[in-house]
Protein backbone atom coordinates (compact mmCIF):
# COMPACT_ATOMS: atom_id res chain seq x y z
CA MET A 1 19.17 12.34 -1.69
CA ARG A 2 22.00 12.10 0.81
CA PHE A 3 21.18 13.27 4.33
CA ILE A 4 22.79 16.66 5.05
CA PRO A 5 20.95 18.12 8.05
CA TYR A 6 20.75 21.88 8.28
CA LEU A 7 18.54 22.25 11.36
CA LEU A 8 18.38 20.42 14.65
CA ALA A 9 15.39 21.29 16.79
CA ALA A 10 15.25 20.70 20.52
CA PRO A 11 12.66 18.26 21.84
CA LEU A 12 9.21 19.84 21.97
CA LEU A 13 6.77 19.27 24.77
CA LEU A 14 3.54 20.92 23.60
CA VAL A 15 0.56 18.92 22.41
CA ILE A 16 -2.86 20.23 21.46
CA ILE A 17 -5.88 17.96 21.15
CA PHE A 18 -8.41 19.34 18.70
CA PRO A 19 -12.07 18.29 19.14
CA HIS A 20 -11.91 17.23 15.50
CA TRP A 21 -9.98 14.11 16.55
CA GLU A 22 -12.17 12.14 18.92
CA ARG A 23 -9.81 9.93 20.83
CA ASN A 24 -8.50 9.90 24.37
CA LEU A 25 -4.75 10.55 24.35
CA PRO A 26 -2.08 10.82 27.04
CA THR A 27 -1.70 14.24 28.61
CA ASP A 28 2.10 13.87 28.75
CA THR A 29 4.16 13.93 25.60
CA VAL A 30 7.18 11.98 24.43
CA PRO A 31 10.08 14.23 23.38
CA VAL A 32 11.60 13.76 19.95
CA SER A 33 14.71 15.15 18.31
CA ILE A 34 14.19 16.68 14.90
CA GLU A 35 16.53 16.81 11.93
CA THR A 36 15.47 18.73 8.83
CA PHE A 37 16.66 18.10 5.28
CA PRO A 38 15.90 20.26 2.25
CA LEU A 39 13.99 18.95 -0.73
CA TYR A 40 14.25 20.32 -4.28
CA GLU A 41 18.03 20.17 -3.91
CA THR A 42 18.43 18.82 -7.47
CA GLY A 43 15.95 21.31 -8.96
CA GLN A 44 12.68 20.57 -10.67
CA THR A 45 11.52 20.06 -14.22
CA CYS A 46 7.96 21.32 -14.61
CA SER A 47 6.07 19.89 -17.59
CA GLY A 48 2.67 19.91 -15.88
CA GLN A 49 2.29 16.14 -16.17
CA PHE A 50 3.88 12.81 -15.22
CA VAL A 51 6.79 11.60 -17.35
CA THR A 52 7.16 7.85 -17.94
CA HIS A 53 10.47 6.04 -17.38
CA GLU A 54 10.93 2.34 -18.05
CA LEU A 55 12.68 0.43 -15.27
CA ASP A 56 15.09 -2.48 -15.65
CA HIS A 57 12.64 -5.21 -14.66
CA THR A 58 10.00 -7.28 -16.44
CA THR A 59 7.70 -9.70 -14.65
CA THR A 60 7.40 -12.85 -16.75
CA VAL A 61 5.29 -16.01 -16.55
CA PRO A 62 6.25 -19.68 -16.94
CA GLY A 63 6.10 -20.76 -20.55
CA GLY A 64 6.67 -17.31 -22.01
CA SER A 65 3.76 -15.80 -23.94
CA GLN A 66 0.89 -18.06 -22.86
CA VAL A 67 -0.63 -16.68 -19.65
CA ARG A 68 -2.80 -19.24 -17.91
CA MET A 69 -5.07 -18.99 -14.91
CA PHE A 70 -3.39 -17.41 -11.90
CA GLU A 71 -0.18 -16.62 -13.76
CA ALA A 72 -2.13 -13.53 -14.82
CA ASN A 73 -1.96 -12.13 -11.28
CA GLY A 74 1.56 -10.75 -11.66
CA SER A 75 3.85 -9.74 -8.79
CA GLY A 76 4.51 -7.01 -6.28
CA VAL A 77 6.56 -3.88 -5.71
CA ALA A 78 7.83 -2.09 -2.59
CA ILE A 79 9.62 1.20 -1.98
CA ASN A 80 11.83 2.02 1.02
CA ASP A 81 15.34 3.06 2.03
CA LEU A 82 17.35 -0.18 2.11
CA ASP A 83 20.82 1.31 2.69
CA ASN A 84 19.94 4.19 5.04
CA ASP A 85 21.34 6.82 2.67
CA GLY A 86 18.13 8.86 2.50
CA ASP A 87 17.18 7.77 -1.03
CA LEU A 88 14.22 5.46 -1.49
CA ASP A 89 15.04 2.19 -3.26
CA ILE A 90 12.70 -0.06 -5.25
CA VAL A 91 12.15 -3.82 -4.93
CA LEU A 92 10.27 -5.60 -7.74
CA ALA A 93 9.06 -9.18 -7.47
CA ASN A 94 8.90 -11.61 -10.38
CA HIS A 95 6.86 -14.69 -11.12
CA ALA A 96 9.01 -16.71 -13.55
CA GLY A 97 12.17 -14.57 -13.55
CA MET A 98 14.39 -13.10 -10.86
CA ASN A 99 13.34 -10.44 -8.36
CA THR A 100 15.09 -7.07 -8.68
CA ILE A 101 16.48 -4.40 -6.37
CA LEU A 102 16.87 -0.98 -7.96
CA TRP A 103 19.31 0.97 -5.80
CA ASN A 104 18.51 4.68 -5.91
CA GLU A 105 21.66 6.68 -6.69
CA GLY A 106 19.87 10.03 -6.96
CA GLY A 107 18.43 11.96 -9.88
CA LEU A 108 16.23 8.99 -10.85
CA ASN A 109 19.33 6.92 -11.59
CA PHE A 110 19.07 3.34 -10.39
CA ARG A 111 21.63 0.55 -10.15
CA THR A 112 20.15 -2.86 -10.94
CA GLU A 113 20.74 -5.89 -8.77
CA ARG A 114 19.12 -9.20 -9.69
CA MET A 115 18.34 -11.41 -6.73
CA GLU A 116 18.90 -15.14 -6.92
CA HIS A 117 15.27 -15.56 -6.14
CA GLY A 118 11.92 -15.46 -7.95
CA ASP A 119 8.51 -17.17 -7.89
CA SER A 120 7.27 -14.28 -5.74
CA ARG A 121 4.02 -12.41 -5.24
CA ALA A 122 3.84 -9.68 -2.55
CA VAL A 123 6.81 -7.57 -1.40
CA THR A 124 7.19 -5.91 1.99
CA VAL A 125 10.25 -3.94 3.09
CA VAL A 126 10.25 -3.83 6.89
CA ASP A 127 12.70 -4.10 9.80
CA VAL A 128 11.77 -7.62 10.89
CA ASP A 129 14.37 -7.97 13.67
CA GLY A 130 14.58 -4.37 14.85
CA ASP A 131 18.26 -3.86 14.05
CA GLY A 132 17.72 -0.57 12.20
CA TRP A 133 18.09 -2.01 8.68
CA LEU A 134 15.06 -2.68 6.52
CA ASP A 135 14.69 -6.29 5.42
CA ILE A 136 12.78 -7.73 2.45
CA VAL A 137 10.02 -10.33 2.75
CA PHE A 138 8.42 -11.92 -0.32
CA SER A 139 5.29 -14.03 -0.33
CA ARG A 140 5.52 -16.92 -2.77
CA THR A 141 3.28 -18.98 -5.00
CA ARG A 142 3.83 -22.44 -3.50
CA SER A 143 5.87 -22.01 -0.31
CA ALA A 144 6.19 -19.94 2.85
CA PRO A 145 7.41 -16.33 2.61
CA THR A 146 11.14 -15.80 2.24
CA TYR A 147 13.01 -13.41 4.52
CA TRP A 148 16.05 -11.52 3.24
CA HIS A 149 17.91 -10.14 6.24
CA ASN A 150 19.63 -6.83 5.60
CA GLU A 151 23.27 -7.07 6.73
CA GLY A 152 24.05 -3.48 5.71
CA GLU A 153 26.31 -2.24 2.91
CA GLY A 154 23.93 -3.67 0.33
CA GLN A 155 24.22 -7.26 1.56
CA PHE A 156 21.31 -9.59 2.26
CA THR A 157 21.23 -13.10 3.73
CA GLN A 158 18.27 -15.37 3.05
CA GLU A 159 16.84 -16.65 6.32
CA THR A 160 13.55 -18.09 7.55
CA LEU A 161 10.77 -16.57 9.58
CA PRO A 162 10.65 -19.07 12.46
CA GLY A 163 7.17 -20.50 12.83
CA VAL A 164 5.91 -19.29 9.44
CA GLY A 165 5.33 -22.32 7.23
CA ASN A 166 2.16 -21.54 5.30
CA PRO A 167 2.26 -20.59 1.59
CA LEU A 168 0.80 -17.10 2.06
CA TYR A 169 -0.29 -14.79 -0.77
CA ALA A 170 -1.15 -11.43 0.84
CA ILE A 171 0.97 -10.29 3.82
CA ASN A 172 1.19 -7.28 6.12
CA TRP A 173 3.05 -6.20 9.27
CA ALA A 174 2.41 -4.09 12.39
CA ASP A 175 2.85 -4.24 16.16
CA LEU A 176 -0.60 -5.65 16.74
CA ASP A 177 -0.12 -6.78 20.34
CA ASN A 178 1.67 -3.57 21.41
CA ASP A 179 4.77 -5.33 22.72
CA GLY A 180 7.26 -3.35 20.66
CA ASP A 181 7.97 -5.78 17.79
CA LEU A 182 6.28 -6.42 14.47
CA ASP A 183 3.71 -9.16 14.01
CA LEU A 184 2.81 -10.74 10.67
CA VAL A 185 -0.64 -11.30 9.18
CA GLY A 186 -1.01 -13.43 6.07
CA ALA A 187 -3.76 -14.99 4.01
CA THR A 188 -3.84 -17.60 1.26
CA TYR A 189 -5.29 -17.59 -2.23
CA ASP A 190 -7.03 -20.97 -2.05
CA ALA A 191 -8.00 -21.14 -5.72
CA SER A 192 -4.35 -21.16 -6.70
CA LEU A 193 -3.38 -23.62 -3.96
CA LEU A 194 -6.14 -25.96 -5.11
CA VAL A 195 -4.66 -26.05 -8.62
CA ASP A 196 -1.10 -26.54 -7.33
CA PHE A 197 -1.67 -28.97 -4.44
CA GLY A 198 -5.24 -30.30 -4.50
CA THR A 199 -8.10 -30.49 -2.03
CA GLU A 200 -6.31 -32.55 0.63
CA PHE A 201 -3.65 -29.88 1.05
CA LEU A 202 -6.29 -27.25 1.83
CA MET A 203 -8.24 -29.56 4.13
CA ASN A 204 -5.11 -30.13 6.22
CA GLY A 205 -5.13 -26.55 7.52
CA ASN A 206 -2.88 -24.93 4.93
CA GLY A 207 -5.43 -22.40 3.71
CA GLY A 208 -7.00 -19.40 5.42
CA VAL A 209 -6.06 -16.30 7.38
CA PHE A 210 -3.22 -16.42 9.89
CA TYR A 211 -1.98 -14.07 12.61
CA TYR A 212 1.64 -14.71 13.56
CA GLU A 213 2.47 -13.12 16.90
CA ASN A 214 6.12 -12.17 17.17
CA ASP A 215 7.50 -13.65 20.38
CA ASP A 216 11.19 -12.66 20.59
CA GLY A 217 11.73 -13.56 16.93
CA TYR A 218 9.55 -16.67 16.86
CA PHE A 219 6.22 -16.19 15.09
CA ARG A 220 3.47 -18.04 16.94
CA LEU A 221 0.66 -19.15 14.66
CA ASN A 222 -2.95 -18.22 15.33
CA ALA A 223 -5.41 -19.38 12.66
CA LEU A 224 -8.26 -16.92 12.21
CA ALA A 225 -10.02 -18.63 9.29
CA THR A 226 -9.65 -21.93 7.45
CA THR A 227 -10.38 -20.54 3.99
CA ALA A 228 -9.50 -17.39 2.05
CA GLN A 229 -9.28 -16.12 -1.51
CA ALA A 230 -7.08 -13.22 -0.46
CA LEU A 231 -5.63 -10.86 -3.03
CA ALA A 232 -5.22 -8.03 -0.52
CA LEU A 233 -4.81 -7.55 3.22
CA ALA A 234 -5.00 -4.23 5.10
CA LEU A 235 -4.29 -3.41 8.74
CA VAL A 236 -6.53 -0.46 9.58
CA ASP A 237 -8.60 0.83 12.50
CA LEU A 238 -12.13 -0.05 11.40
CA ASN A 239 -13.99 0.83 14.63
CA ASN A 240 -12.05 3.94 15.73
CA ASP A 241 -10.80 2.44 18.99
CA GLY A 242 -7.12 3.22 18.33
CA ARG A 243 -6.21 -0.37 17.47
CA LEU A 244 -5.36 -1.79 14.07
CA ASP A 245 -7.85 -4.36 12.82
CA ILE A 246 -7.52 -6.96 10.05
CA TRP A 247 -9.31 -6.58 6.71
CA VAL A 248 -8.89 -9.34 4.11
CA GLY A 249 -10.03 -8.68 0.55
CA ASN A 250 -11.22 -11.89 -1.12
CA ASP A 251 -11.62 -12.83 -4.77
CA PHE A 252 -14.61 -14.69 -6.23
CA ASP A 253 -17.77 -15.01 -4.14
CA LEU A 254 -16.11 -15.28 -0.73
CA PRO A 255 -17.00 -12.10 1.20
CA ASP A 256 -14.22 -9.95 2.60
CA GLN A 257 -13.22 -10.96 6.13
CA THR A 258 -12.56 -8.69 9.11
CA TRP A 259 -11.36 -9.07 12.68
CA TYR A 260 -11.31 -6.47 15.46
CA ARG A 261 -8.48 -6.41 17.95
CA THR A 262 -9.91 -6.64 21.50
CA ASP A 263 -8.54 -7.14 24.99
CA ASN A 264 -9.36 -10.82 24.55
CA GLY A 265 -7.69 -11.26 21.17
CA TRP A 266 -9.16 -11.20 17.69
CA GLN A 267 -12.94 -11.01 17.30
CA SER A 268 -14.57 -11.77 13.96
CA ALA A 269 -16.58 -8.79 12.72
CA ALA A 270 -18.90 -7.93 9.84
CA PRO A 271 -19.03 -4.13 9.59
CA PHE A 272 -19.65 -3.82 5.84
CA THR A 273 -23.09 -3.52 4.28
CA THR A 274 -21.41 -3.37 0.84
CA MET A 275 -18.18 -4.88 -0.45
CA SER A 276 -16.58 -5.68 -3.79
CA ARG A 277 -17.31 -9.17 -5.07
CA SER A 278 -13.85 -9.86 -6.47
CA THR A 279 -11.77 -7.65 -4.20
CA MET A 280 -8.35 -7.11 -5.73
CA SER A 281 -6.95 -4.18 -3.76
CA LEU A 282 -7.54 -2.49 -0.40
CA GLU A 283 -6.69 1.12 0.45
CA PHE A 284 -7.68 3.68 3.06
CA GLY A 285 -7.17 7.38 3.78
CA ASP A 286 -8.92 10.58 4.84
CA ILE A 287 -10.12 11.88 1.47
CA ASN A 288 -12.08 14.89 2.80
CA ASN A 289 -9.85 15.93 5.74
CA ASP A 290 -12.56 15.42 8.35
CA GLY A 291 -10.54 13.11 10.60
CA ARG A 292 -12.35 9.96 9.54
CA ILE A 293 -10.84 7.51 7.10
CA GLU A 294 -12.45 6.19 3.95
CA LEU A 295 -11.96 2.63 2.69
CA PHE A 296 -11.53 1.79 -0.99
CA SER A 297 -11.55 -1.59 -2.72
CA THR A 298 -11.13 -2.35 -6.41
CA ASP A 299 -12.97 -4.86 -8.55
CA MET A 300 -13.61 -5.58 -12.22
CA ASN A 301 -15.99 -3.04 -13.76
CA PRO A 302 -15.54 -1.48 -17.23
CA TYR A 303 -15.10 2.29 -17.22
CA GLU A 304 -16.42 2.57 -20.79
CA GLN A 305 -20.01 1.63 -21.63
CA GLU A 306 -19.85 1.85 -25.42
CA PRO A 307 -20.93 -1.35 -27.25
CA GLU A 308 -17.37 -2.05 -28.43
CA ALA A 309 -16.03 -1.96 -24.87
CA ILE A 310 -18.85 -4.10 -23.49
CA ALA A 311 -18.26 -6.68 -26.24
CA VAL A 312 -14.67 -7.06 -25.09
CA TRP A 313 -15.87 -7.64 -21.53
CA TYR A 314 -18.69 -9.99 -22.57
CA PRO A 315 -17.32 -13.29 -21.14
CA ILE A 316 -16.77 -11.91 -17.65
CA LEU A 317 -20.04 -9.97 -17.61
CA GLN A 318 -21.95 -13.10 -18.61
CA SER A 319 -20.32 -15.14 -15.84
CA ARG A 320 -21.43 -12.60 -13.24
CA ARG A 321 -25.01 -12.21 -14.38
CA GLY A 322 -27.60 -13.07 -11.72
CA LEU A 323 -25.09 -13.44 -8.89
CA ASN A 324 -26.32 -10.53 -6.76
CA PRO A 325 -29.41 -11.34 -4.70
CA GLU A 326 -30.62 -8.38 -2.64
CA GLU A 327 -29.33 -9.81 0.63
CA ASN A 328 -25.79 -10.24 -0.73
CA PRO A 329 -23.51 -7.35 0.30
CA GLN A 330 -21.15 -7.99 -2.63
CA VAL A 331 -21.30 -5.77 -5.71
CA ASP A 332 -19.45 -6.06 -9.01
CA ALA A 333 -17.76 -2.69 -8.66
CA ASN A 334 -15.27 -0.67 -6.65
CA VAL A 335 -16.48 0.33 -3.20
CA LEU A 336 -15.75 3.58 -1.33
CA GLN A 337 -17.07 3.89 2.21
CA SER A 338 -16.38 5.75 5.44
CA VAL A 339 -15.73 4.02 8.75
CA ASP A 340 -18.38 6.35 10.17
CA ASN A 341 -21.30 4.62 8.47
CA PHE A 342 -20.01 2.05 5.94
CA ILE A 343 -22.25 3.49 3.21
CA ASN A 344 -20.94 2.91 -0.32
CA THR A 345 -20.43 6.23 -2.12
CA ALA A 346 -18.18 5.03 -4.96
CA GLN A 347 -20.69 5.77 -7.71
CA GLN A 348 -21.49 9.26 -6.40
CA ALA A 349 -17.76 9.96 -6.05
CA GLY A 350 -17.11 8.79 -9.62
CA VAL A 351 -14.79 5.86 -8.80
CA ASP A 352 -17.00 2.75 -8.95
CA ALA A 353 -15.82 1.67 -12.43
CA THR A 354 -12.10 1.81 -13.23
CA GLY A 355 -11.64 -1.29 -15.41
CA TRP A 356 -10.11 -4.66 -14.59
CA SER A 357 -8.46 -3.00 -11.63
CA TRP A 358 -5.61 -4.18 -9.48
CA SER A 359 -3.72 -1.85 -7.16
CA GLY A 360 -5.57 1.37 -6.30
CA LYS A 361 -4.00 3.92 -3.95
CA PHE A 362 -4.54 7.38 -2.52
CA GLY A 363 -1.86 10.07 -2.62
CA ASP A 364 -1.82 13.85 -2.86
CA LEU A 365 -0.32 13.92 -6.34
CA ASN A 366 -0.95 17.62 -7.06
CA GLN A 367 -0.28 18.79 -3.50
CA ASP A 368 -3.53 20.67 -2.96
CA GLY A 369 -4.19 19.07 0.43
CA PHE A 370 -6.57 16.36 -0.81
CA LEU A 371 -5.76 12.72 -1.54
CA ASP A 372 -6.05 11.81 -5.21
CA LEU A 373 -6.52 8.27 -6.55
CA TYR A 374 -4.59 6.15 -9.03
CA VAL A 375 -5.72 2.71 -10.22
CA VAL A 376 -3.76 0.35 -12.49
CA ASN A 377 -5.52 -1.92 -14.98
CA GLY A 378 -5.18 -4.80 -17.37
CA PHE A 379 -5.66 -8.54 -17.73
CA MET A 380 -4.52 -11.39 -19.92
CA GLU A 381 -5.46 -15.04 -19.87
CA VAL A 382 -5.45 -17.52 -22.73
CA SER A 383 -8.93 -19.05 -22.17
CA LEU A 384 -11.00 -16.18 -20.81
CA PHE A 385 -9.84 -13.65 -23.41
CA ALA A 386 -9.03 -15.95 -26.31
CA HIS A 387 -11.14 -13.65 -28.54
CA LEU A 388 -8.66 -10.77 -28.05
CA PRO A 389 -5.23 -10.21 -29.64
CA ASN A 390 -2.54 -11.84 -27.46
CA HIS A 391 -5.45 -12.90 -25.19
CA GLU A 392 -5.08 -9.52 -23.46
CA LEU A 393 -7.63 -7.00 -22.19
CA VAL A 394 -5.87 -3.67 -22.74
CA GLU A 395 -7.12 -0.76 -20.65
CA GLU A 396 -5.71 2.56 -19.52
CA ASN A 397 -4.68 3.08 -15.93
CA GLN A 398 -7.05 5.59 -14.32
CA ALA A 399 -5.98 8.77 -12.51
CA PHE A 400 -8.49 10.80 -10.49
CA ARG A 401 -8.11 14.25 -8.99
CA ASN A 402 -9.85 14.82 -5.67
CA THR A 403 -11.99 17.95 -6.09
CA GLY A 404 -12.22 18.49 -2.31
CA ASN A 405 -15.96 17.90 -2.05
CA GLU A 406 -15.90 14.09 -1.86
CA GLN A 407 -15.80 13.86 -5.65
CA PHE A 408 -13.10 12.52 -7.97
CA VAL A 409 -12.71 13.48 -11.62
CA THR A 410 -10.59 11.74 -14.23
CA ILE A 411 -7.50 13.72 -15.12
CA PRO A 412 -6.05 12.45 -18.44
CA GLU A 413 -3.81 15.52 -18.76
CA TRP A 414 -1.60 14.09 -16.01
CA ASN A 415 -0.43 11.51 -18.57
CA LEU A 416 -0.89 8.49 -16.30
CA GLY A 417 -3.02 6.42 -18.70
CA SER A 418 -0.50 3.64 -19.29
CA LEU A 419 -1.64 0.58 -21.28
CA SER A 420 1.06 -1.74 -19.92
CA SER A 421 -1.05 -4.18 -17.87
CA GLY A 422 -0.27 -2.96 -14.37
CA ARG A 423 -0.58 -5.09 -11.28
CA SER A 424 1.16 -3.76 -8.15
CA MET A 425 1.82 -0.05 -7.55
CA SER A 426 3.29 2.23 -4.89
CA MET A 427 3.84 5.97 -4.49
CA ALA A 428 6.85 7.79 -2.98
CA ASP A 429 9.16 10.73 -3.62
CA LEU A 430 11.94 8.97 -5.54
CA ASP A 431 13.81 12.04 -6.79
CA ALA A 432 13.78 14.07 -3.55
CA ASP A 433 11.91 16.99 -5.11
CA GLY A 434 9.04 16.86 -2.63
CA ASP A 435 6.20 15.34 -4.66
CA LEU A 436 4.96 11.79 -5.11
CA ASP A 437 6.21 9.65 -7.98
CA ILE A 438 4.61 6.32 -8.89
CA VAL A 439 6.11 2.88 -9.59
CA VAL A 440 4.09 0.13 -11.30
CA ASN A 441 5.12 -3.50 -11.76
CA ASN A 442 3.54 -4.58 -15.04
CA LEU A 443 3.02 -8.10 -16.37
CA ARG A 444 4.98 -9.08 -19.51
CA GLY A 445 6.23 -5.52 -19.88
CA ALA A 446 8.86 -3.30 -18.31
CA ALA A 447 8.07 -1.87 -14.90
CA GLN A 448 7.43 1.87 -15.05
CA LEU A 449 8.28 4.91 -12.96
CA PHE A 450 6.01 7.90 -13.46
CA GLU A 451 7.96 11.02 -12.53
CA ASN A 452 5.79 13.77 -11.06
CA GLN A 453 6.43 17.04 -12.92
CA LEU A 454 3.20 18.81 -11.95
CA CYS A 455 5.08 21.32 -9.76
CA GLU A 456 1.98 22.32 -7.81
CA GLY A 457 1.66 23.17 -4.13
CA ASN A 458 4.20 22.40 -1.42
CA SER A 459 5.01 19.44 0.78
CA LEU A 460 6.30 18.10 4.07
CA GLU A 461 7.81 14.63 4.33
CA VAL A 462 8.34 12.76 7.59
CA ASP A 463 10.50 9.83 8.66
CA LEU A 464 9.86 8.38 12.13
CA ILE A 465 12.71 6.63 13.92
CA TRP A 466 12.03 4.84 17.18
CA ASN A 467 15.24 3.99 18.99
CA GLY A 468 14.95 1.41 21.75
CA SER A 469 12.07 -0.32 20.03
CA SER A 470 12.04 -3.28 17.67
CA ASN A 471 9.49 -1.31 15.66
CA THR A 472 12.23 1.01 14.45
CA ARG A 473 10.14 2.75 11.75
CA ALA A 474 7.10 3.19 14.01
CA ILE A 475 4.77 1.15 11.79
CA GLY A 476 1.16 1.76 12.82
CA SER A 477 1.74 5.34 14.00
CA GLU A 478 -0.44 8.25 12.89
CA LEU A 479 0.63 11.74 11.85
CA ILE A 480 -1.70 14.74 11.92
CA LEU A 481 -0.65 18.02 10.34
CA TYR A 482 -2.53 21.08 11.58
CA THR A 483 -2.56 24.01 9.14
CA ASP A 484 -4.59 27.15 8.46
CA GLN A 485 -6.03 25.35 5.40
CA GLY A 486 -7.21 22.24 7.24
CA VAL A 487 -6.08 19.20 9.16
CA TYR A 488 -4.33 16.41 7.25
CA TYR A 489 -4.08 12.79 8.41
CA ARG A 490 -1.53 10.18 7.40
CA ASP A 491 -0.32 6.86 8.84
CA VAL A 492 2.84 4.77 8.72
CA ARG A 493 2.09 1.41 7.14
CA THR A 494 3.87 -1.54 5.59
CA ALA A 495 1.56 -2.47 2.72
CA SER A 496 -1.67 -1.57 0.93
CA GLY A 497 -3.19 -1.89 -2.52
CA TYR A 498 -2.41 -5.15 -4.31
CA LEU A 499 0.83 -6.99 -3.38
CA SER A 500 2.39 -3.56 -2.78
CA GLY A 501 4.74 -2.43 -0.03
CA ASP A 502 4.59 1.19 1.14
CA SER A 503 7.42 3.48 2.12
CA ALA A 504 7.68 4.32 5.82
CA ARG A 505 8.28 7.92 4.73
CA VAL A 506 5.06 9.94 4.97
CA HIS A 507 4.14 12.69 2.48
CA PHE A 508 1.86 15.68 3.09
CA GLY A 509 0.87 18.03 0.29
CA PHE A 510 -0.77 21.42 0.76
CA PRO A 511 -1.49 24.57 -1.27
CA ASP A 512 0.96 27.42 -1.74
CA GLY A 513 0.93 29.87 1.16
CA THR A 514 -0.31 27.34 3.73
CA GLN A 515 0.72 28.05 7.31
CA LEU A 516 1.95 24.93 9.09
CA ASN A 517 1.00 25.10 12.77
CA MET A 518 1.85 21.73 14.27
CA LEU A 519 2.66 18.13 13.43
CA GLU A 520 1.25 15.67 15.93
CA ILE A 521 2.78 12.18 16.07
CA ARG A 522 0.64 9.48 17.64
CA TRP A 523 3.02 6.59 18.10
CA SER A 524 1.74 3.05 17.73
CA ASP A 525 1.94 2.50 21.52
CA GLY A 526 -0.44 5.41 22.13
CA GLN A 527 2.15 8.00 23.17
CA VAL A 528 2.15 11.44 21.57
CA SER A 529 4.81 13.87 20.35
CA SER A 530 4.43 17.24 18.68
CA VAL A 531 6.54 19.42 16.43
CA THR A 532 5.76 23.13 15.99
CA SER A 533 8.80 24.45 14.11
CA LEU A 534 7.84 23.44 10.58
CA SER A 535 8.91 24.58 7.12
CA ASP A 536 7.67 23.94 3.59
CA ASN A 537 9.39 21.53 1.23
CA VAL A 538 11.55 19.70 3.73
CA LEU A 539 11.96 16.18 5.01
CA ILE A 540 12.03 15.92 8.79
CA ARG A 541 13.36 12.97 10.69
CA ALA A 542 11.68 12.68 14.09
CA THR A 543 13.63 10.36 16.41
CA ARG A 544 12.15 9.03 19.61
CA SER A 545 14.65 7.75 22.16
CA GLU A 546 13.69 6.24 25.52
């Protein structure tokens, strides 16, 4: 979609604070200029399901067909607008092969560019230096993250992140010290580092959780923990104080780790009474539109209980038997909990068992105003699953429709039950028709794009631009859409799920006939803007200049 604005709204100065949102906010507002762009400009095909497209990328492993140990973990994906043309591009990491950029040329046509770079895990697409162009940062298996500086016109230069020398696995970005630039948080996967480098390497301070404070382009290291088994890392407000906290999802028996941001720096916290044992993905969102976010983590738990299915899972189930004493908060299942009370409701909600699950994410896929859930599955490893063909556990990805009463139901008719061994996954509107499409980076199979052809409800998409700040995409900001059907909450983030980068473009879905009253923007520095002239099925670009 090329940007062709058809409406320019004057800055708006009205803000309304609803009791529903319990937070002290400034009484003055920050003006924004609004540009509005139509969606559906290429027309829609409505099949009532998702249509699968194979993408020109396959994540491979060293040695070809034999997948051993942590080679089974696969690599990441990220979606964002790399060339500022309004279309969202795709970046796919690779383990043994080359990473790929798929340049979006509209109409779900992509131009492939192979990068002279591989051996990558997570992908984040973020404006590291605040120049207005989104850069690419990959975490790597055995070395520090690599930083690909966006020079514009489709050109990237590989540079370093000064001060970042640790071989991180999970990474995330936000302005955590509120100084206007983006800080980096990273964590290691010590089990893999132990295999690659040995015990001495880890004992010399190379493993753990690290906060890198951005100081005019130099990232100052602050070690928060000396050990981690991190597969996922989320930056989310866990105690409702308006500050982003750190949540690290750990594999094996190491409990998840959390830190609250305080006036005196980072404070270790333990808010969870329940957590996944082998946390593989972290996600959060307001699933019931009550103004409080829910937290979701994935684990390994078979969604079928028939004897044939359990027999396939037998080795892993045997290894876990007897590992859960009553005082241990870890459970061998997905966990869904609210920041209000941290009570696990995954089983009641119907999402505790989704298979050998990697990335799980919320998104309003059918545009009824409630966040749905998609989880990608699969595993292969030559020793653990030697009893299976191609040493592979083959499971369907799981799609769940949010019923609106804190329940999720499987929805096979959406045609999202791929068997292609998914790992990372992100959602975004890739064809500019207003609804969320899905991209999955599979292992040993072509990456997939699931085109949304449900054609239900309506949408509003939002890009935030913050001129005069190094946080040019307003990472960490919140958006609240007030309607006659309810109040919808979204946030601008860099990454979530498993190794997956998120688009800075925010999507709201809502039922047909919904009256849009106001969009409230709570910028990451605590300032507030509001927009009251809203239309259905448009993308608005809200630009803050000061």
